[in-house]
Amino acid sequence: MKKDILCIGHITHDRIITPDMPNGVDCAGGTAYYVAWAMHHLPQSVNFGVITAVGQELDHEIEKLKQAGIDIQNLGSPTSVFFENKYGANMNNRQQRVLSKAAPFTIDQMRDAEADMFHLGTLLVDDFSPEVVEYLAGKGRVCVDVQGYLREVRNHQVYAVDWRDKLRVLKSTEVLKVNEHEIDVLTDGEKDLHRAARLISSWGVREVLITLGSYGSVIYDGNKFYEIPGFKPRAIVDATGCGDTYAAGYLYARALGADCGEAGRLAAAMCTLKLEHTGPFDSTIDDVHKILETNE
């Protein structure tokens, strides 16, 4: 059955290290994981599914998702992606290491994938080749989380780099999600967010989502800018997965007909709730509405 939204990406083994958890906590992660659980906790008004590829060590996480009723297909991989995310006192900043990788996605694996919107959760630069993105864009609309395309791994350390296939991939991208650090790399150091967003739009992207951590987000639809505030959480516990939670909320709301501003506010409220604990978004739509009503 054709999905409204199909998220494609690797579920990962994550190790989260914070000042409050100096020894680290191991858990599952990755765009596909955080988006799947966020969608699961929203009203089931959107037909959603996941395609991932993990090693056997994460089979138990796949089973949890299936038991929750999430439509997920595991293509399998010799190993899973293993990220170590280390945060300081400022949760907007992190140091990241990659301890293992998973197999990239291929066109042959995407033959039966059918969706109105394909959300590609890139984690590393070779997850989705330009050919795969172009193939999916021929079947539906494509949303790309740019983070993986800008990650070069050297001796397990992650370095921010521009990517050589940028213009080719973005021609096939309808929605692009970036954070303030990624947009700086993507636009060769353009500090003005509005000019940076217009530049990305000129490359073929229809909706540019710029997340700014606790400072909110900016959305550009090719004609209008939407300035979305960051809603203050009761506590800041763990920022891992916030960007993915934002993307889930935004795409969910857009699939139901919300405009960019409405979708951005719902996504921001979901991030506020996600920040308050380690792990994926697990609140209700009523909790989200309470955040929005409090900040009208």
C-alpha atoms as a PDB file:
ATOM      1  CA  MET A   1       0.000   0.000   0.000  1.00  0.00           C
ATOM      2  CA  LYS A   2       1.274   3.473  -0.880  1.00  0.00           C
ATOM      3  CA  LYS A   3       2.309   5.465   2.194  1.00  0.00           C
ATOM      4  CA  ASP A   4       1.657   9.129   2.875  1.00  0.00           C
ATOM      5  CA  ILE A   5       5.139   9.270   4.403  1.00  0.00           C
ATOM      6  CA  LEU A   6       7.847   6.622   4.116  1.00  0.00           C
ATOM      7  CA  CYS A   7      10.972   7.185   6.197  1.00  0.00           C
ATOM      8  CA  ILE A   8      14.097   5.471   4.867  1.00  0.00           C
ATOM      9  CA  GLY A   9      17.248   5.365   6.952  1.00  0.00           C
ATOM     10  CA  HIS A  10      19.463   3.327   9.244  1.00  0.00           C
ATOM     11  CA  ILE A  11      18.438   2.672  12.822  1.00  0.00           C
ATOM     12  CA  THR A  12      21.600   3.053  14.871  1.00  0.00           C
ATOM     13  CA  HIS A  13      23.300   1.921  18.021  1.00  0.00           C
ATOM     14  CA  ASP A  14      23.849   5.175  19.934  1.00  0.00           C
ATOM     15  CA  ARG A  15      25.921   5.908  22.991  1.00  0.00           C
ATOM     16  CA  ILE A  16      24.803   9.155  24.661  1.00  0.00           C
ATOM     17  CA  ILE A  17      27.269  10.887  27.001  1.00  0.00           C
ATOM     18  CA  THR A  18      26.237  14.004  28.950  1.00  0.00           C
ATOM     19  CA  PRO A  19      27.485  15.758  32.105  1.00  0.00           C
ATOM     20  CA  ASP A  20      24.716  13.953  34.006  1.00  0.00           C
ATOM     21  CA  MET A  21      25.539  10.610  32.325  1.00  0.00           C
ATOM     22  CA  PRO A  22      29.367  10.636  32.130  1.00  0.00           C
ATOM     23  CA  ASN A  23      29.589   6.869  31.610  1.00  0.00           C
ATOM     24  CA  GLY A  24      27.126   7.004  28.762  1.00  0.00           C
ATOM     25  CA  VAL A  25      23.822   5.303  28.041  1.00  0.00           C
ATOM     26  CA  ASP A  26      23.449   2.898  25.101  1.00  0.00           C
ATOM     27  CA  CYS A  27      20.232   3.023  23.121  1.00  0.00           C
ATOM     28  CA  ALA A  28      18.835   2.843  19.614  1.00  0.00           C
ATOM     29  CA  GLY A  29      18.778   5.957  17.473  1.00  0.00           C
ATOM     30  CA  GLY A  30      18.949   7.356  13.975  1.00  0.00           C
ATOM     31  CA  THR A  31      16.422   9.310  11.957  1.00  0.00           C
ATOM     32  CA  ALA A  32      14.281   6.260  11.150  1.00  0.00           C
ATOM     33  CA  TYR A  33      14.046   5.340  14.830  1.00  0.00           C
ATOM     34  CA  TYR A  34      13.149   8.780  16.171  1.00  0.00           C
ATOM     35  CA  VAL A  35      10.741   9.552  13.337  1.00  0.00           C
ATOM     36  CA  ALA A  36       9.012   6.179  13.693  1.00  0.00           C
ATOM     37  CA  TRP A  37       8.323   6.547  17.402  1.00  0.00           C
ATOM     38  CA  ALA A  38       7.254  10.174  17.020  1.00  0.00           C
ATOM     39  CA  MET A  39       4.760   9.219  14.310  1.00  0.00           C
ATOM     40  CA  HIS A  40       3.550   6.322  16.453  1.00  0.00           C
ATOM     41  CA  HIS A  41       2.587   8.659  19.302  1.00  0.00           C
ATOM     42  CA  LEU A  42       0.624  11.021  17.072  1.00  0.00           C
ATOM     43  CA  PRO A  43      -2.961  10.278  15.988  1.00  0.00           C
ATOM     44  CA  GLN A  44      -2.851   7.667  13.225  1.00  0.00           C
ATOM     45  CA  SER A  45      -4.222  10.041  10.597  1.00  0.00           C
ATOM     46  CA  VAL A  46      -1.190   9.625   8.311  1.00  0.00           C
ATOM     47  CA  ASN A  47      -0.266   6.342   6.605  1.00  0.00           C
ATOM     48  CA  PHE A  48       3.370   5.921   7.658  1.00  0.00           C
ATOM     49  CA  GLY A  49       6.071   3.306   7.189  1.00  0.00           C
ATOM     50  CA  VAL A  50       9.807   2.725   7.628  1.00  0.00           C
ATOM     51  CA  ILE A  51      12.526   1.037   5.591  1.00  0.00           C
ATOM     52  CA  THR A  52      15.785   0.449   7.437  1.00  0.00           C
ATOM     53  CA  ALA A  53      18.886  -1.776   7.343  1.00  0.00           C
ATOM     54  CA  VAL A  54      20.525  -2.999  10.542  1.00  0.00           C
ATOM     55  CA  GLY A  55      22.775  -5.784  11.770  1.00  0.00           C
ATOM     56  CA  GLN A  56      21.512  -8.627  13.953  1.00  0.00           C
ATOM     57  CA  GLU A  57      22.521  -6.798  17.134  1.00  0.00           C
ATOM     58  CA  LEU A  58      19.544  -4.444  16.635  1.00  0.00           C
ATOM     59  CA  ASP A  59      16.958  -7.094  15.720  1.00  0.00           C
ATOM     60  CA  HIS A  60      15.324  -6.600  19.115  1.00  0.00           C
ATOM     61  CA  GLU A  61      14.677  -2.926  18.322  1.00  0.00           C
ATOM     62  CA  ILE A  62      13.031  -3.872  15.032  1.00  0.00           C
ATOM     63  CA  GLU A  63      10.818  -6.312  16.933  1.00  0.00           C
ATOM     64  CA  LYS A  64       9.774  -3.594  19.415  1.00  0.00           C
ATOM     65  CA  LEU A  65       8.725  -1.343  16.539  1.00  0.00           C
ATOM     66  CA  LYS A  66       6.759  -4.149  14.899  1.00  0.00           C
ATOM     67  CA  GLN A  67       5.042  -5.055  18.160  1.00  0.00           C
ATOM     68  CA  ALA A  68       3.984  -1.417  18.536  1.00  0.00           C
ATOM     69  CA  GLY A  69       2.223  -1.703  15.189  1.00  0.00           C
ATOM     70  CA  ILE A  70       4.731   0.330  13.169  1.00  0.00           C
ATOM     71  CA  ASP A  71       5.035  -0.810   9.551  1.00  0.00           C
ATOM     72  CA  ILE A  72       8.783  -1.420   9.239  1.00  0.00           C
ATOM     73  CA  GLN A  73      10.906  -3.363   6.762  1.00  0.00           C
ATOM     74  CA  ASN A  74      14.472  -4.344   7.694  1.00  0.00           C
ATOM     75  CA  LEU A  75      16.650  -4.947   4.634  1.00  0.00           C
ATOM     76  CA  GLY A  76      19.491  -6.278   6.803  1.00  0.00           C
ATOM     77  CA  SER A  77      23.149  -5.290   6.921  1.00  0.00           C
ATOM     78  CA  PRO A  78      26.396  -6.980   8.050  1.00  0.00           C
ATOM     79  CA  THR A  79      26.762  -4.315  10.749  1.00  0.00           C
ATOM     80  CA  SER A  80      24.770  -1.391  12.129  1.00  0.00           C
ATOM     81  CA  VAL A  81      25.740   2.260  12.368  1.00  0.00           C
ATOM     82  CA  PHE A  82      27.240   2.942  15.815  1.00  0.00           C
ATOM     83  CA  PHE A  83      27.362   6.588  16.937  1.00  0.00           C
ATOM     84  CA  GLU A  84      28.899   8.015  20.084  1.00  0.00           C
ATOM     85  CA  ASN A  85      27.336  11.413  20.891  1.00  0.00           C
ATOM     86  CA  LYS A  86      29.002  13.458  23.618  1.00  0.00           C
ATOM     87  CA  TYR A  87      27.300  16.607  24.891  1.00  0.00           C
ATOM     88  CA  GLY A  88      28.654  19.352  27.124  1.00  0.00           C
ATOM     89  CA  ALA A  89      26.695  21.722  29.338  1.00  0.00           C
ATOM     90  CA  ASN A  90      25.305  23.381  26.187  1.00  0.00           C
ATOM     91  CA  MET A  91      23.051  20.763  24.597  1.00  0.00           C
ATOM     92  CA  ASN A  92      23.152  22.617  21.276  1.00  0.00           C
ATOM     93  CA  ASN A  93      26.717  21.339  20.789  1.00  0.00           C
ATOM     94  CA  ARG A  94      27.991  17.777  20.565  1.00  0.00           C
ATOM     95  CA  GLN A  95      31.099  15.770  19.689  1.00  0.00           C
ATOM     96  CA  GLN A  96      30.416  12.720  17.585  1.00  0.00           C
ATOM     97  CA  ARG A  97      32.309   9.540  16.681  1.00  0.00           C
ATOM     98  CA  VAL A  98      31.313   6.755  14.275  1.00  0.00           C
ATOM     99  CA  LEU A  99      32.383   3.337  15.544  1.00  0.00           C
ATOM    100  CA  SER A 100      30.823   1.247  12.735  1.00  0.00           C
ATOM    101  CA  LYS A 101      28.781   1.694   9.536  1.00  0.00           C
ATOM    102  CA  ALA A 102      25.894  -0.079   7.770  1.00  0.00           C
ATOM    103  CA  ALA A 103      25.404  -0.928   4.113  1.00  0.00           C
ATOM    104  CA  PRO A 104      24.086   1.887   1.878  1.00  0.00           C
ATOM    105  CA  PHE A 105      20.610   1.771   0.321  1.00  0.00           C
ATOM    106  CA  THR A 106      20.312   0.781  -3.358  1.00  0.00           C
ATOM    107  CA  ILE A 107      17.829   1.332  -6.180  1.00  0.00           C
ATOM    108  CA  ASP A 108      17.033  -2.392  -6.305  1.00  0.00           C
ATOM    109  CA  GLN A 109      15.974  -2.242  -2.645  1.00  0.00           C
ATOM    110  CA  MET A 110      13.624   0.656  -3.433  1.00  0.00           C
ATOM    111  CA  ARG A 111      11.721  -1.019  -6.299  1.00  0.00           C
ATOM    112  CA  ASP A 112       8.617  -1.724  -4.200  1.00  0.00           C
ATOM    113  CA  ALA A 113       8.755   1.486  -2.139  1.00  0.00           C
ATOM    114  CA  GLU A 114       5.679   3.628  -2.807  1.00  0.00           C
ATOM    115  CA  ALA A 115       4.932   6.909  -1.042  1.00  0.00           C
ATOM    116  CA  ASP A 116       3.729  10.446  -1.542  1.00  0.00           C
ATOM    117  CA  MET A 117       6.684  11.682   0.555  1.00  0.00           C
ATOM    118  CA  PHE A 118       9.990   9.859   1.018  1.00  0.00           C
ATOM    119  CA  HIS A 119      11.868  11.151   4.060  1.00  0.00           C
ATOM    120  CA  LEU A 120      15.539  10.227   3.714  1.00  0.00           C
ATOM    121  CA  GLY A 121      17.357  10.130   7.030  1.00  0.00           C
ATOM    122  CA  THR A 122      20.954  10.443   5.892  1.00  0.00           C
ATOM    123  CA  LEU A 123      23.464   9.597   8.612  1.00  0.00           C
ATOM    124  CA  LEU A 124      26.647   9.181   6.549  1.00  0.00           C
ATOM    125  CA  VAL A 125      27.599  10.492   3.119  1.00  0.00           C
ATOM    126  CA  ASP A 126      27.195   7.199   1.241  1.00  0.00           C
ATOM    127  CA  ASP A 127      23.776   6.196   2.646  1.00  0.00           C
ATOM    128  CA  PHE A 128      21.890   7.457  -0.429  1.00  0.00           C
ATOM    129  CA  SER A 129      23.631   7.885  -3.773  1.00  0.00           C
ATOM    130  CA  PRO A 130      22.378  10.609  -6.145  1.00  0.00           C
ATOM    131  CA  GLU A 131      20.942   7.829  -8.315  1.00  0.00           C
ATOM    132  CA  VAL A 132      18.801   6.537  -5.424  1.00  0.00           C
ATOM    133  CA  VAL A 133      17.499  10.029  -4.628  1.00  0.00           C
ATOM    134  CA  GLU A 134      16.649  10.657  -8.283  1.00  0.00           C
ATOM    135  CA  TYR A 135      14.917   7.293  -8.518  1.00  0.00           C
ATOM    136  CA  LEU A 136      12.734   8.032  -5.494  1.00  0.00           C
ATOM    137  CA  ALA A 137      11.982  11.550  -6.755  1.00  0.00           C
ATOM    138  CA  GLY A 138      10.545   9.893  -9.856  1.00  0.00           C
ATOM    139  CA  LYS A 139       8.064   8.034  -7.643  1.00  0.00           C
ATOM    140  CA  GLY A 140       7.094  10.740  -5.140  1.00  0.00           C
ATOM    141  CA  ARG A 141       8.319  13.826  -3.320  1.00  0.00           C
ATOM    142  CA  VAL A 142      11.598  13.698  -1.399  1.00  0.00           C
ATOM    143  CA  CYS A 143      12.523  15.229   1.963  1.00  0.00           C
ATOM    144  CA  VAL A 144      16.203  15.071   2.923  1.00  0.00           C
ATOM    145  CA  ASP A 145      17.772  15.535   6.334  1.00  0.00           C
ATOM    146  CA  VAL A 146      21.119  16.838   5.131  1.00  0.00           C
ATOM    147  CA  GLN A 147      23.214  15.824   8.145  1.00  0.00           C
ATOM    148  CA  GLY A 148      24.726  12.647   6.711  1.00  0.00           C
ATOM    149  CA  TYR A 149      25.796  14.250   3.453  1.00  0.00           C
ATOM    150  CA  LEU A 150      27.939  16.690   5.419  1.00  0.00           C
ATOM    151  CA  ARG A 151      29.665  14.095   7.607  1.00  0.00           C
ATOM    152  CA  GLU A 152      33.083  12.816   6.702  1.00  0.00           C
ATOM    153  CA  VAL A 153      34.474  10.112   8.998  1.00  0.00           C
ATOM    154  CA  ARG A 154      38.229   9.986   9.554  1.00  0.00           C
ATOM    155  CA  ASN A 155      39.595   7.635  12.246  1.00  0.00           C
ATOM    156  CA  HIS A 156      36.107   7.446  13.793  1.00  0.00           C
ATOM    157  CA  GLN A 157      35.918  11.248  14.150  1.00  0.00           C
ATOM    158  CA  VAL A 158      33.189  13.161  12.311  1.00  0.00           C
ATOM    159  CA  TYR A 159      34.131  16.284  10.353  1.00  0.00           C
ATOM    160  CA  ALA A 160      31.789  18.772   8.684  1.00  0.00           C
ATOM    161  CA  VAL A 161      32.374  18.949   4.918  1.00  0.00           C
ATOM    162  CA  ASP A 162      30.428  20.122   1.884  1.00  0.00           C
ATOM    163  CA  TRP A 163      29.439  17.335  -0.488  1.00  0.00           C
ATOM    164  CA  ARG A 164      30.274  17.055  -4.170  1.00  0.00           C
ATOM    165  CA  ASP A 165      26.835  15.914  -5.365  1.00  0.00           C
ATOM    166  CA  LYS A 166      24.993  18.732  -3.580  1.00  0.00           C
ATOM    167  CA  LEU A 167      23.443  20.454  -6.597  1.00  0.00           C
ATOM    168  CA  ARG A 168      22.490  17.172  -8.237  1.00  0.00           C
ATOM    169  CA  VAL A 169      20.765  15.799  -5.119  1.00  0.00           C
ATOM    170  CA  LEU A 170      18.995  19.049  -4.237  1.00  0.00           C
ATOM    171  CA  LYS A 171      17.403  19.245  -7.696  1.00  0.00           C
ATOM    172  CA  SER A 172      15.436  16.159  -6.641  1.00  0.00           C
ATOM    173  CA  THR A 173      14.684  17.429  -3.116  1.00  0.00           C
ATOM    174  CA  GLU A 174      11.401  19.119  -2.252  1.00  0.00           C
ATOM    175  CA  VAL A 175      11.982  19.585   1.498  1.00  0.00           C
ATOM    176  CA  LEU A 176      15.424  20.019   3.079  1.00  0.00           C
ATOM    177  CA  LYS A 177      16.094  20.016   6.826  1.00  0.00           C
ATOM    178  CA  VAL A 178      19.315  21.612   8.078  1.00  0.00           C
ATOM    179  CA  ASN A 179      20.561  23.032  11.376  1.00  0.00           C
ATOM    180  CA  GLU A 180      22.538  26.238  11.855  1.00  0.00           C
ATOM    181  CA  HIS A 181      25.899  24.471  11.543  1.00  0.00           C
ATOM    182  CA  GLU A 182      24.924  22.475   8.469  1.00  0.00           C
ATOM    183  CA  ILE A 183      23.564  25.470   6.579  1.00  0.00           C
ATOM    184  CA  ASP A 184      26.843  27.281   7.227  1.00  0.00           C
ATOM    185  CA  VAL A 185      28.764  24.426   5.581  1.00  0.00           C
ATOM    186  CA  LEU A 186      26.186  23.990   2.828  1.00  0.00           C
ATOM    187  CA  THR A 187      26.284  27.651   1.742  1.00  0.00           C
ATOM    188  CA  ASP A 188      30.036  28.186   2.153  1.00  0.00           C
ATOM    189  CA  GLY A 189      29.800  30.267   5.297  1.00  0.00           C
ATOM    190  CA  GLU A 190      26.766  32.441   4.561  1.00  0.00           C
ATOM    191  CA  LYS A 191      25.838  33.849   7.987  1.00  0.00           C
ATOM    192  CA  ASP A 192      22.549  35.499   7.015  1.00  0.00           C
ATOM    193  CA  LEU A 193      19.947  32.745   7.331  1.00  0.00           C
ATOM    194  CA  HIS A 194      17.524  34.399   4.918  1.00  0.00           C
ATOM    195  CA  ARG A 195      20.143  34.743   2.197  1.00  0.00           C
ATOM    196  CA  ALA A 196      21.289  31.163   2.859  1.00  0.00           C
ATOM    197  CA  ALA A 197      17.728  29.852   2.571  1.00  0.00           C
ATOM    198  CA  ARG A 198      17.152  31.771  -0.680  1.00  0.00           C
ATOM    199  CA  LEU A 199      20.356  30.310  -2.096  1.00  0.00           C
ATOM    200  CA  ILE A 200      19.261  26.750  -1.247  1.00  0.00           C
ATOM    201  CA  SER A 201      15.843  27.486  -2.744  1.00  0.00           C
ATOM    202  CA  SER A 202      17.535  28.595  -5.967  1.00  0.00           C
ATOM    203  CA  TRP A 203      19.085  25.114  -6.207  1.00  0.00           C
ATOM    204  CA  GLY A 204      15.618  23.573  -6.523  1.00  0.00           C
ATOM    205  CA  VAL A 205      14.437  22.988  -2.938  1.00  0.00           C
ATOM    206  CA  ARG A 206      10.834  24.077  -2.320  1.00  0.00           C
ATOM    207  CA  GLU A 207      10.807  24.136   1.495  1.00  0.00           C
ATOM    208  CA  VAL A 208      13.916  24.845   3.560  1.00  0.00           C
ATOM    209  CA  LEU A 209      13.696  23.984   7.281  1.00  0.00           C
ATOM    210  CA  ILE A 210      16.436  25.506   9.440  1.00  0.00           C
ATOM    211  CA  THR A 211      16.475  24.303  13.042  1.00  0.00           C
ATOM    212  CA  LEU A 212      18.278  26.499  15.552  1.00  0.00           C
ATOM    213  CA  GLY A 213      18.238  24.418  18.721  1.00  0.00           C
ATOM    214  CA  SER A 214      16.764  26.295  21.676  1.00  0.00           C
ATOM    215  CA  TYR A 215      16.463  29.410  19.484  1.00  0.00           C
ATOM    216  CA  GLY A 216      13.669  27.939  17.372  1.00  0.00           C
ATOM    217  CA  SER A 217      13.581  27.471  13.616  1.00  0.00           C
ATOM    218  CA  VAL A 218      13.162  29.292  10.322  1.00  0.00           C
ATOM    219  CA  ILE A 219      11.176  27.939   7.368  1.00  0.00           C
ATOM    220  CA  TYR A 220      11.340  29.285   3.815  1.00  0.00           C
ATOM    221  CA  ASP A 221       8.819  28.136   1.204  1.00  0.00           C
ATOM    222  CA  GLY A 222      10.311  29.986  -1.749  1.00  0.00           C
ATOM    223  CA  ASN A 223       8.158  33.063  -1.145  1.00  0.00           C
ATOM    224  CA  LYS A 224       7.726  33.597   2.573  1.00  0.00           C
ATOM    225  CA  PHE A 225       9.761  33.158   5.745  1.00  0.00           C
ATOM    226  CA  TYR A 226       8.206  31.664   8.871  1.00  0.00           C
ATOM    227  CA  GLU A 227       9.980  32.431  12.155  1.00  0.00           C
ATOM    228  CA  ILE A 228       9.156  29.661  14.647  1.00  0.00           C
ATOM    229  CA  PRO A 229      10.083  30.232  18.310  1.00  0.00           C
ATOM    230  CA  GLY A 230      11.688  27.629  20.530  1.00  0.00           C
ATOM    231  CA  PHE A 231       9.305  26.769  23.370  1.00  0.00           C
ATOM    232  CA  LYS A 232      10.998  26.456  26.755  1.00  0.00           C
ATOM    233  CA  PRO A 233      11.030  22.898  28.181  1.00  0.00           C
ATOM    234  CA  ARG A 234      10.631  22.129  31.883  1.00  0.00           C
ATOM    235  CA  ALA A 235      14.115  20.566  31.812  1.00  0.00           C
ATOM    236  CA  ILE A 236      16.795  19.981  29.189  1.00  0.00           C
ATOM    237  CA  VAL A 237      17.855  16.345  29.430  1.00  0.00           C
ATOM    238  CA  ASP A 238      18.858  15.058  25.988  1.00  0.00           C
ATOM    239  CA  ALA A 239      18.813  16.774  22.575  1.00  0.00           C
ATOM    240  CA  THR A 240      19.564  13.604  20.597  1.00  0.00           C
ATOM    241  CA  GLY A 241      16.774  13.050  18.085  1.00  0.00           C
ATOM    242  CA  CYS A 242      15.287  16.537  18.357  1.00  0.00           C
ATOM    243  CA  GLY A 243      15.936  17.321  14.714  1.00  0.00           C
ATOM    244  CA  ASP A 244      14.283  14.058  13.694  1.00  0.00           C
ATOM    245  CA  THR A 245      11.335  14.777  15.977  1.00  0.00           C
ATOM    246  CA  TYR A 246      10.997  18.188  14.328  1.00  0.00           C
ATOM    247  CA  ALA A 247      10.977  16.606  10.861  1.00  0.00           C
ATOM    248  CA  ALA A 248       8.357  14.059  11.941  1.00  0.00           C
ATOM    249  CA  GLY A 249       6.038  16.721  13.317  1.00  0.00           C
ATOM    250  CA  TYR A 250       6.507  18.980  10.316  1.00  0.00           C
ATOM    251  CA  LEU A 251       5.874  16.299   7.684  1.00  0.00           C
ATOM    252  CA  TYR A 252       2.939  14.909   9.674  1.00  0.00           C
ATOM    253  CA  ALA A 253       1.243  18.307   9.870  1.00  0.00           C
ATOM    254  CA  ARG A 254       1.954  19.107   6.222  1.00  0.00           C
ATOM    255  CA  ALA A 255       0.477  15.753   5.174  1.00  0.00           C
ATOM    256  CA  LEU A 256      -2.724  16.780   6.966  1.00  0.00           C
ATOM    257  CA  GLY A 257      -2.860  20.111   5.128  1.00  0.00           C
ATOM    258  CA  ALA A 258      -1.222  22.517   7.610  1.00  0.00           C
ATOM    259  CA  ASP A 259       0.743  25.426   6.175  1.00  0.00           C
ATOM    260  CA  CYS A 260       4.482  25.742   6.818  1.00  0.00           C
ATOM    261  CA  GLY A 261       4.055  27.963   9.873  1.00  0.00           C
ATOM    262  CA  GLU A 262       1.469  25.717  11.528  1.00  0.00           C
ATOM    263  CA  ALA A 263       3.586  22.658  10.801  1.00  0.00           C
ATOM    264  CA  GLY A 264       6.686  24.353  12.200  1.00  0.00           C
ATOM    265  CA  ARG A 265       4.953  25.271  15.458  1.00  0.00           C
ATOM    266  CA  LEU A 266       3.662  21.730  15.980  1.00  0.00           C
ATOM    267  CA  ALA A 267       7.160  20.384  15.256  1.00  0.00           C
ATOM    268  CA  ALA A 268       8.713  22.847  17.716  1.00  0.00           C
ATOM    269  CA  ALA A 269       6.279  21.875  20.474  1.00  0.00           C
ATOM    270  CA  MET A 270       7.140  18.210  19.940  1.00  0.00           C
ATOM    271  CA  CYS A 271      10.848  19.050  20.287  1.00  0.00           C
ATOM    272  CA  THR A 272      10.166  20.809  23.586  1.00  0.00           C
ATOM    273  CA  LEU A 273       8.637  17.628  24.983  1.00  0.00           C
ATOM    274  CA  LYS A 274      11.375  15.439  23.503  1.00  0.00           C
ATOM    275  CA  LEU A 275      14.110  17.531  25.167  1.00  0.00           C
ATOM    276  CA  GLU A 276      12.758  16.663  28.599  1.00  0.00           C
ATOM    277  CA  HIS A 277      13.939  13.038  28.534  1.00  0.00           C
ATOM    278  CA  THR A 278      16.333  10.586  26.907  1.00  0.00           C
ATOM    279  CA  GLY A 279      14.837   8.522  24.122  1.00  0.00           C
ATOM    280  CA  PRO A 280      12.283   9.239  21.392  1.00  0.00           C
ATOM    281  CA  PHE A 281       9.216  11.458  21.600  1.00  0.00           C
ATOM    282  CA  ASP A 282       6.578   9.673  23.668  1.00  0.00           C
ATOM    283  CA  SER A 283       4.004  12.349  24.487  1.00  0.00           C
ATOM    284  CA  THR A 284       0.459  12.756  23.155  1.00  0.00           C
ATOM    285  CA  ILE A 285      -1.065  15.238  20.743  1.00  0.00           C
ATOM    286  CA  ASP A 286      -2.858  16.755  23.752  1.00  0.00           C
ATOM    287  CA  ASP A 287       0.532  17.420  25.369  1.00  0.00           C
ATOM    288  CA  VAL A 288       1.655  19.098  22.147  1.00  0.00           C
ATOM    289  CA  HIS A 289      -1.465  21.271  22.037  1.00  0.00           C
ATOM    290  CA  LYS A 290      -0.909  22.354  25.653  1.00  0.00           C
ATOM    291  CA  ILE A 291       2.554  23.650  24.694  1.00  0.00           C
ATOM    292  CA  LEU A 292       1.071  25.525  21.760  1.00  0.00           C
ATOM    293  CA  GLU A 293      -1.791  26.985  23.796  1.00  0.00           C
ATOM    294  CA  THR A 294       0.603  28.125  26.525  1.00  0.00           C
ATOM    295  CA  ASN A 295       2.740  29.925  23.931  1.00  0.00           C
ATOM    296  CA  GLU A 296       0.022  31.574  21.824  1.00  0.00           C
END
